[in-house]
Every structure is written in structure tokens, then in C-alpha cells.
Amino acid sequence: MGDRYINPYTDFGFKKLFGSELNKELLISFLNALLETACAPEGNAPQEIVDISYRPTEQLGARPESRRTIFDVFCTTQGGEQFIVEMQNVFQRFYKDRSVYYASFPIVEQGRRGDWNFNLHPVYTVGILNFVLPDDDYDDDNYCHNVMLTDTEDNHVFFDKLRFIYLEMPKFKKTEDELVTMFDKWMFVLRNLPRLMQRPAALQERVFTRLFEQAEIARFTPEQQFLYEDSINAYRDITNSIDTAKIEAKAEGRAEGMAQGRAEGKAEEKQEIARKLKAMGLPVSQIVEATGLTAQQIDALDTN
């Protein structure tokens, strides 16, 4: 494959680095660096995480017919805080809705029968996004977002036990000589790891020694090599298909947009992207995530 280090944007790569008991020190270091930065402005960062316990990543609803949810990483700290950590590659129109839905599972499961006073442990959803958030809510250089329930009258934090921390990875542009904090260094690693050929001089902390050891593809067992190649091929298929569809759809949708207006042009572009992806044979579920169209709308598209 040519790369020296694993791609953390792949399912196998992300779970190998952050989803195993063997490497939980990597996840602890990343979360501590993230919380110190994301929560610093409000001055109430959680207690430093010393240890975590991994939880089952598959979550089932309260009823047999309820939808099943599978997290990338789900863990609980020594203080009882619960973290959902997700690597999300494909743009989703309703990604914010998805985050709230996912967070509902660890909230509901805290309910107790009998005498219970409703005291909840904090729940954090951490989204590492390989795209810019829908609606482009933030400035181009603002890539870390700490979202909580606030009072709209004076903006004070109404409830801080439910947090959504989003990292828009395409906006992180710092170079090696600009890395100052541990959060900077983690962002740099996640953004650039598969393009590196050696460990950068700026990353001398012991935790990065562990990371680069675990990320080196040459150290993988034959079974790990196979699983990683399968994962990287799936990652390339979806990203290349979406990129190709967008290029072709933009060319065709631009003329339509000029004639029919910006809103109609965007709708036509989404349909054209979906049509291209459908013709390439991608599953309907992935096309729904990539375009925001419904399965019914996609089924109705003519690919001839």
C-alpha cells in the first residue's frame, strides 16, 4: 500500500488506536487534551481522566422493534462520565440529529427501577468529522466546538451533563512547527498520520511513542494486515465514489443552478450525486448518508 502508518479514518484504524484495552492510554490522553481545550473557556473542565472502562459498542432500544445503534468507541471514566467517540467520514445532512439520537442511549440506560432521584452521570459525544458541519455554522479557522444546553436569554449554561464536542478536521491547518498544546499534537496526528513517513520531532511525549508503534503497518500480523487492507479499500471506495460523483454533478448542476436558482441547483446537484453513486453500486444506506435524500427518493432515480 506504500503507507508506513495506519489511516485513523478507517474503521479498523480508528478502533485499533482508540477502541482496544491494549491502547486505552491513547484514548485517555486524547480525551484529556480535548477536554482541557474544549472546556477551558467556561472554566469547568471535568476531572482529569485517569482510567476508562470500555463498554459494549452495540446499543439496543428498550423494545425489540427499536433501532439498533453501534458506536465506534463507548467508554466510562473512573468518575462515571460516559463518552461516545465517533469517527465520521461521510457528510450527513442530519448529523446533528444523529448525535442527539446516539446520546439518548447512555442517558436512558441510566434509569433505575424503584426509588431513583434522576441524578445522571454526564454523557459526552465526541465527533471527529472528516467534513465541515452541515450549514457551515462556524468560521473557517474554528474547528473545535463544545455544545451544551444554554439559556437563550443570557447564554448561561443551563445543563452541562450533556455535551457534544465536534472536531471539523478539514479546518485544522497547523504545521508541525505551530504545535504547542497536547490538543494541537493530537489534531495533527489524526489529520496527518497516513501521510507521515516518520515520527515528527514535535511529538516527543511517551504516549506518541506508543501511538506510532501501534500505527506502524509493518508491525501488523498477517490477519491484521488483511483486515486493514479490507478497511482501507472500503474507505477509498466510498470517498472516491463521492468525490467523483460530486465533480460530475457540479458540472451538470451548475448549469441547472444558473437557470433555476441556487436552491433548485443544490437540489439537482444532490440528486445527480445520488444517481452517480447508485450507478456505481453503492448501498442505499451510504447514499442516504452522503446526500441527505431519502431511500424512497434514491430508489426512484433513473441511472440509465
Protein backbone atom coordinates (compact mmCIF):
# COMPACT_ATOMS: atom_id res chain seq x y z
CA MET A 1 0.00 0.00 0.00
CA GLY A 2 3.01 2.32 0.40
CA ASP A 3 1.95 3.98 3.65
CA ARG A 4 4.03 3.47 6.76
CA TYR A 5 1.35 4.32 9.30
CA ILE A 6 -2.28 3.37 9.62
CA ASN A 7 -5.10 5.63 8.46
CA PRO A 8 -7.19 6.53 11.56
CA TYR A 9 -10.13 7.46 9.33
CA THR A 10 -10.68 3.79 8.53
CA ASP A 11 -12.87 1.69 10.79
CA PHE A 12 -10.04 -0.73 11.56
CA GLY A 13 -7.50 2.03 12.09
CA PHE A 14 -9.66 4.07 14.46
CA LYS A 15 -10.67 1.10 16.58
CA LYS A 16 -7.12 -0.27 16.75
CA LEU A 17 -5.78 3.02 18.10
CA PHE A 18 -8.67 4.02 20.35
CA GLY A 19 -11.00 1.06 20.79
CA SER A 20 -8.87 -1.60 22.46
CA GLU A 21 -7.90 -2.26 26.06
CA LEU A 22 -4.30 -2.59 24.91
CA ASN A 23 -4.22 1.03 23.73
CA LYS A 24 -6.57 2.74 26.15
CA GLU A 25 -3.80 5.12 27.25
CA LEU A 26 -4.06 6.67 23.77
CA LEU A 27 -7.77 7.33 24.21
CA ILE A 28 -7.23 8.70 27.74
CA SER A 29 -4.55 11.10 26.52
CA PHE A 30 -6.67 12.26 23.59
CA LEU A 31 -9.77 12.85 25.72
CA ASN A 32 -7.85 14.75 28.41
CA ALA A 33 -6.25 17.01 25.79
CA LEU A 34 -9.61 17.54 24.11
CA LEU A 35 -11.48 18.37 27.32
CA GLU A 36 -8.78 20.74 28.52
CA THR A 37 -9.10 22.74 25.30
CA ALA A 38 -12.83 22.44 24.58
CA CYS A 39 -13.94 23.19 28.14
CA ALA A 40 -11.30 25.80 29.05
CA PRO A 41 -13.38 28.88 28.08
CA GLU A 42 -16.13 28.05 30.55
CA GLY A 43 -13.72 27.09 33.34
CA ASN A 44 -15.45 23.86 34.33
CA ALA A 45 -13.46 21.15 32.60
CA PRO A 46 -14.15 17.68 34.01
CA GLN A 47 -11.75 15.97 36.36
CA GLU A 48 -8.69 14.56 34.60
CA ILE A 49 -9.37 11.08 33.29
CA VAL A 50 -7.11 8.51 34.95
CA ASP A 51 -8.75 5.32 33.75
CA ILE A 52 -11.57 4.17 31.49
CA SER A 53 -13.68 1.05 31.10
CA TYR A 54 -14.77 0.08 27.61
CA ARG A 55 -18.48 -0.57 27.19
CA PRO A 56 -20.25 -2.71 24.56
CA THR A 57 -20.48 -0.67 21.37
CA GLU A 58 -23.79 -2.18 20.30
CA GLN A 59 -26.78 -0.48 21.90
CA LEU A 60 -30.33 -1.78 21.70
CA GLY A 61 -33.53 0.15 22.23
CA ALA A 62 -35.99 -0.52 25.03
CA ARG A 63 -38.30 -2.52 22.75
CA PRO A 64 -37.48 -5.45 20.41
CA GLU A 65 -38.57 -3.41 17.39
CA SER A 66 -36.37 -0.44 18.33
CA ARG A 67 -33.47 0.53 16.11
CA ARG A 68 -30.04 -0.89 16.93
CA THR A 69 -27.10 1.52 17.27
CA ILE A 70 -23.39 0.70 17.06
CA PHE A 71 -20.82 3.19 18.36
CA ASP A 72 -17.18 3.30 17.26
CA VAL A 73 -15.99 3.63 20.86
CA PHE A 74 -18.05 3.76 24.05
CA CYS A 75 -16.41 4.04 27.47
CA THR A 76 -16.92 5.16 31.07
CA THR A 77 -14.36 7.05 33.17
CA GLN A 78 -13.46 6.39 36.79
CA GLY A 79 -15.77 9.29 37.71
CA GLY A 80 -18.76 7.83 35.86
CA GLU A 81 -18.69 10.14 32.81
CA GLN A 82 -19.71 8.32 29.64
CA PHE A 83 -18.05 9.00 26.30
CA ILE A 84 -19.22 8.14 22.82
CA VAL A 85 -16.33 8.71 20.41
CA GLU A 86 -17.12 8.57 16.70
CA MET A 87 -15.04 8.93 13.55
CA GLN A 88 -17.39 10.14 10.83
CA ASN A 89 -16.11 10.21 7.25
CA VAL A 90 -19.23 10.82 5.19
CA PHE A 91 -21.13 14.10 5.24
CA GLN A 92 -24.62 13.69 6.67
CA ARG A 93 -27.35 16.25 6.31
CA PHE A 94 -28.83 15.30 9.70
CA TYR A 95 -25.59 14.61 11.53
CA LYS A 96 -26.58 16.80 14.49
CA ASP A 97 -29.83 14.86 14.84
CA ARG A 98 -27.85 11.62 14.71
CA SER A 99 -25.59 12.82 17.53
CA VAL A 100 -28.55 13.62 19.78
CA TYR A 101 -30.14 10.27 18.99
CA TYR A 102 -26.93 8.39 19.84
CA ALA A 103 -26.57 10.30 23.12
CA SER A 104 -30.05 9.19 24.17
CA PHE A 105 -28.94 5.57 24.64
CA PRO A 106 -26.47 6.10 27.53
CA ILE A 107 -28.92 8.57 29.08
CA VAL A 108 -31.91 6.22 29.04
CA GLU A 109 -29.89 3.24 30.28
CA GLN A 110 -29.09 5.15 33.49
CA GLY A 111 -32.73 4.94 34.54
CA ARG A 112 -33.40 2.82 37.61
CA ARG A 113 -36.46 0.95 38.82
CA GLY A 114 -37.94 1.91 42.14
CA ASP A 115 -36.65 4.81 44.20
CA TRP A 116 -34.42 6.96 41.94
CA ASN A 117 -33.83 10.72 42.07
CA PHE A 118 -32.94 11.14 38.33
CA ASN A 119 -29.33 12.11 39.04
CA LEU A 120 -27.45 11.41 35.79
CA HIS A 121 -23.81 10.80 35.02
CA PRO A 122 -22.52 13.18 32.32
CA VAL A 123 -22.67 11.97 28.72
CA TYR A 124 -20.22 13.26 26.11
CA THR A 125 -20.47 12.70 22.37
CA VAL A 126 -17.17 13.36 20.59
CA GLY A 127 -17.48 13.58 16.81
CA ILE A 128 -14.26 13.54 14.77
CA LEU A 129 -15.56 14.73 11.42
CA ASN A 130 -13.84 14.34 8.08
CA PHE A 131 -16.08 17.09 6.72
CA VAL A 132 -17.46 20.51 7.62
CA LEU A 133 -20.66 20.55 9.64
CA PRO A 134 -23.96 20.99 7.80
CA ASP A 135 -24.98 24.63 7.32
CA ASP A 136 -21.33 25.71 7.78
CA ASP A 137 -22.13 27.26 11.15
CA TYR A 138 -18.59 28.33 12.08
CA ASP A 139 -15.68 30.36 10.72
CA ASP A 140 -13.04 28.64 8.59
CA ASP A 141 -10.48 28.58 11.42
CA ASN A 142 -12.94 27.44 14.12
CA TYR A 143 -12.73 23.66 14.21
CA CYS A 144 -13.44 22.65 17.84
CA HIS A 145 -16.99 23.08 19.15
CA ASN A 146 -18.28 22.39 22.67
CA VAL A 147 -22.08 22.33 22.63
CA MET A 148 -24.33 22.26 25.71
CA LEU A 149 -27.86 23.28 26.73
CA THR A 150 -27.87 27.03 27.40
CA ASP A 151 -30.43 29.66 28.33
CA THR A 152 -31.08 31.76 25.23
CA GLU A 153 -31.81 34.89 27.27
CA ASP A 154 -28.36 35.33 28.79
CA ASN A 155 -26.41 32.36 27.35
CA HIS A 156 -25.57 30.83 30.73
CA VAL A 157 -25.10 27.06 30.77
CA PHE A 158 -28.40 25.52 31.84
CA PHE A 159 -27.25 21.86 31.87
CA ASP A 160 -23.66 20.70 31.48
CA LYS A 161 -24.11 16.93 31.80
CA LEU A 162 -24.92 16.52 28.11
CA ARG A 163 -22.18 17.70 25.78
CA PHE A 164 -21.44 17.38 22.09
CA ILE A 165 -17.87 18.13 21.09
CA TYR A 166 -17.31 18.29 17.34
CA LEU A 167 -13.95 18.44 15.57
CA GLU A 168 -14.10 19.62 11.94
CA MET A 169 -10.85 18.02 10.80
CA PRO A 170 -10.59 19.66 7.33
CA LYS A 171 -10.28 23.06 9.07
CA PHE A 172 -7.19 22.09 11.09
CA LYS A 173 -4.26 23.52 9.11
CA LYS A 174 -1.45 23.86 11.69
CA THR A 175 2.00 22.70 10.67
CA GLU A 176 4.47 20.82 12.86
CA ASP A 177 6.29 23.97 14.00
CA GLU A 178 2.97 25.51 15.14
CA LEU A 179 2.08 22.71 17.58
CA VAL A 180 2.00 23.98 21.17
CA THR A 181 -0.58 22.09 23.23
CA MET A 182 -1.26 18.37 23.50
CA PHE A 183 -4.55 19.02 21.73
CA ASP A 184 -2.67 20.58 18.81
CA LYS A 185 -0.47 17.49 18.63
CA TRP A 186 -3.38 15.07 18.69
CA MET A 187 -5.19 17.01 15.99
CA PHE A 188 -2.03 16.99 13.87
CA VAL A 189 -1.64 13.23 14.28
CA LEU A 190 -5.25 12.48 13.39
CA ARG A 191 -5.13 14.81 10.39
CA ASN A 192 -1.76 13.69 9.00
CA LEU A 193 -0.84 10.22 10.28
CA PRO A 194 -1.25 8.28 7.00
CA ARG A 195 0.90 10.87 5.17
CA LEU A 196 3.83 10.70 7.59
CA MET A 197 6.92 8.64 6.91
CA GLN A 198 8.50 9.17 10.32
CA ARG A 199 7.57 10.42 13.77
CA PRO A 200 7.68 14.26 13.84
CA ALA A 201 10.22 15.83 16.20
CA ALA A 202 7.45 17.85 17.88
CA LEU A 203 5.74 14.68 19.13
CA GLN A 204 8.16 13.51 21.82
CA GLU A 205 5.69 12.62 24.57
CA ARG A 206 5.68 8.97 25.65
CA VAL A 207 2.08 8.47 24.55
CA PHE A 208 3.08 9.22 20.96
CA THR A 209 5.83 6.60 21.18
CA ARG A 210 3.05 4.13 21.86
CA LEU A 211 0.87 5.54 19.10
CA PHE A 212 3.49 5.32 16.38
CA GLU A 213 4.41 1.79 17.44
CA GLN A 214 0.78 0.69 17.20
CA ALA A 215 0.20 2.60 13.96
CA GLU A 216 3.13 1.12 12.05
CA ILE A 217 1.67 -1.20 9.43
CA ALA A 218 4.84 -3.32 9.18
CA ARG A 219 4.24 -4.49 12.77
CA PHE A 220 0.80 -5.93 11.96
CA THR A 221 0.13 -9.65 11.99
CA PRO A 222 -0.97 -11.20 8.67
CA GLU A 223 -4.56 -11.21 9.94
CA GLN A 224 -4.32 -7.52 10.91
CA GLN A 225 -2.81 -6.72 7.51
CA PHE A 226 -5.78 -8.38 5.81
CA LEU A 227 -8.34 -6.61 7.99
CA TYR A 228 -6.66 -3.25 7.48
CA GLU A 229 -6.43 -3.65 3.70
CA ASP A 230 -10.12 -4.54 3.63
CA SER A 231 -10.91 -1.47 5.75
CA ILE A 232 -8.75 0.89 3.69
CA ASN A 233 -10.34 -0.36 0.47
CA ALA A 234 -13.81 0.31 1.86
CA TYR A 235 -12.70 3.80 2.92
CA ARG A 236 -11.23 4.55 -0.52
CA ASP A 237 -14.28 3.22 -2.33
CA ILE A 238 -16.71 5.48 -0.53
CA THR A 239 -14.51 8.60 -0.59
CA ASN A 240 -13.51 8.17 -4.24
CA SER A 241 -17.08 7.47 -5.30
CA ILE A 242 -18.39 10.54 -3.51
CA ASP A 243 -15.60 12.76 -4.87
CA THR A 244 -16.21 11.56 -8.42
CA ALA A 245 -19.95 11.98 -8.13
CA LYS A 246 -19.56 15.50 -6.73
CA ILE A 247 -17.25 16.57 -9.57
CA GLU A 248 -19.59 15.25 -12.23
CA ALA A 249 -22.70 16.53 -10.51
CA LYS A 250 -21.27 20.02 -10.00
CA ALA A 251 -20.55 20.34 -13.71
CA GLU A 252 -24.07 19.29 -14.60
CA GLY A 253 -25.77 21.00 -11.67
CA ARG A 254 -24.03 24.34 -12.23
CA ALA A 255 -25.89 24.98 -15.46
CA GLU A 256 -29.14 23.89 -13.87
CA GLY A 257 -28.46 26.11 -10.86
CA MET A 258 -27.87 29.16 -13.02
CA ALA A 259 -31.14 28.64 -14.82
CA GLN A 260 -33.34 27.55 -11.93
CA GLY A 261 -31.83 29.39 -8.98
CA ARG A 262 -29.43 28.46 -6.24
CA ALA A 263 -31.84 26.36 -4.16
CA GLU A 264 -33.03 24.31 -7.10
CA GLY A 265 -29.47 23.91 -8.32
CA LYS A 266 -28.39 22.43 -4.97
CA ALA A 267 -31.32 20.01 -5.02
CA GLU A 268 -30.43 18.93 -8.54
CA GLU A 269 -26.79 18.50 -7.53
CA LYS A 270 -27.74 16.19 -4.65
CA GLN A 271 -29.93 14.12 -6.98
CA GLU A 272 -27.14 13.89 -9.52
CA ILE A 273 -24.63 12.80 -6.87
CA ALA A 274 -27.09 10.15 -5.69
CA ARG A 275 -27.66 9.00 -9.26
CA LYS A 276 -23.92 8.59 -9.85
CA LEU A 277 -23.41 6.72 -6.56
CA LYS A 278 -26.36 4.46 -7.31
CA ALA A 279 -24.94 3.67 -10.72
CA MET A 280 -21.62 2.77 -9.06
CA GLY A 281 -23.43 0.20 -6.95
CA LEU A 282 -23.08 1.79 -3.51
CA PRO A 283 -25.60 0.65 -0.88
CA VAL A 284 -28.65 2.88 -0.49
CA SER A 285 -27.80 3.46 3.19
CA GLN A 286 -24.46 5.04 2.26
CA ILE A 287 -26.07 7.18 -0.44
CA VAL A 288 -28.61 8.43 2.11
CA GLU A 289 -25.76 9.45 4.43
CA ALA A 290 -23.81 11.14 1.64
CA THR A 291 -26.68 13.15 0.13
CA GLY A 292 -29.44 13.54 2.72
CA LEU A 293 -32.01 12.17 0.26
CA THR A 294 -34.47 9.55 1.46
CA ALA A 295 -34.26 5.90 0.44
CA GLN A 296 -37.52 6.36 -1.49
CA GLN A 297 -36.08 9.29 -3.46
CA ILE A 298 -32.96 7.28 -4.26
CA ASP A 299 -34.96 4.22 -5.36
CA ALA A 300 -36.89 6.47 -7.76
CA LEU A 301 -33.75 7.76 -9.51
CA ASP A 302 -33.11 6.53 -13.04
CA THR A 303 -29.46 5.52 -13.56
CA ASN A 304 -29.76 4.91 -17.32
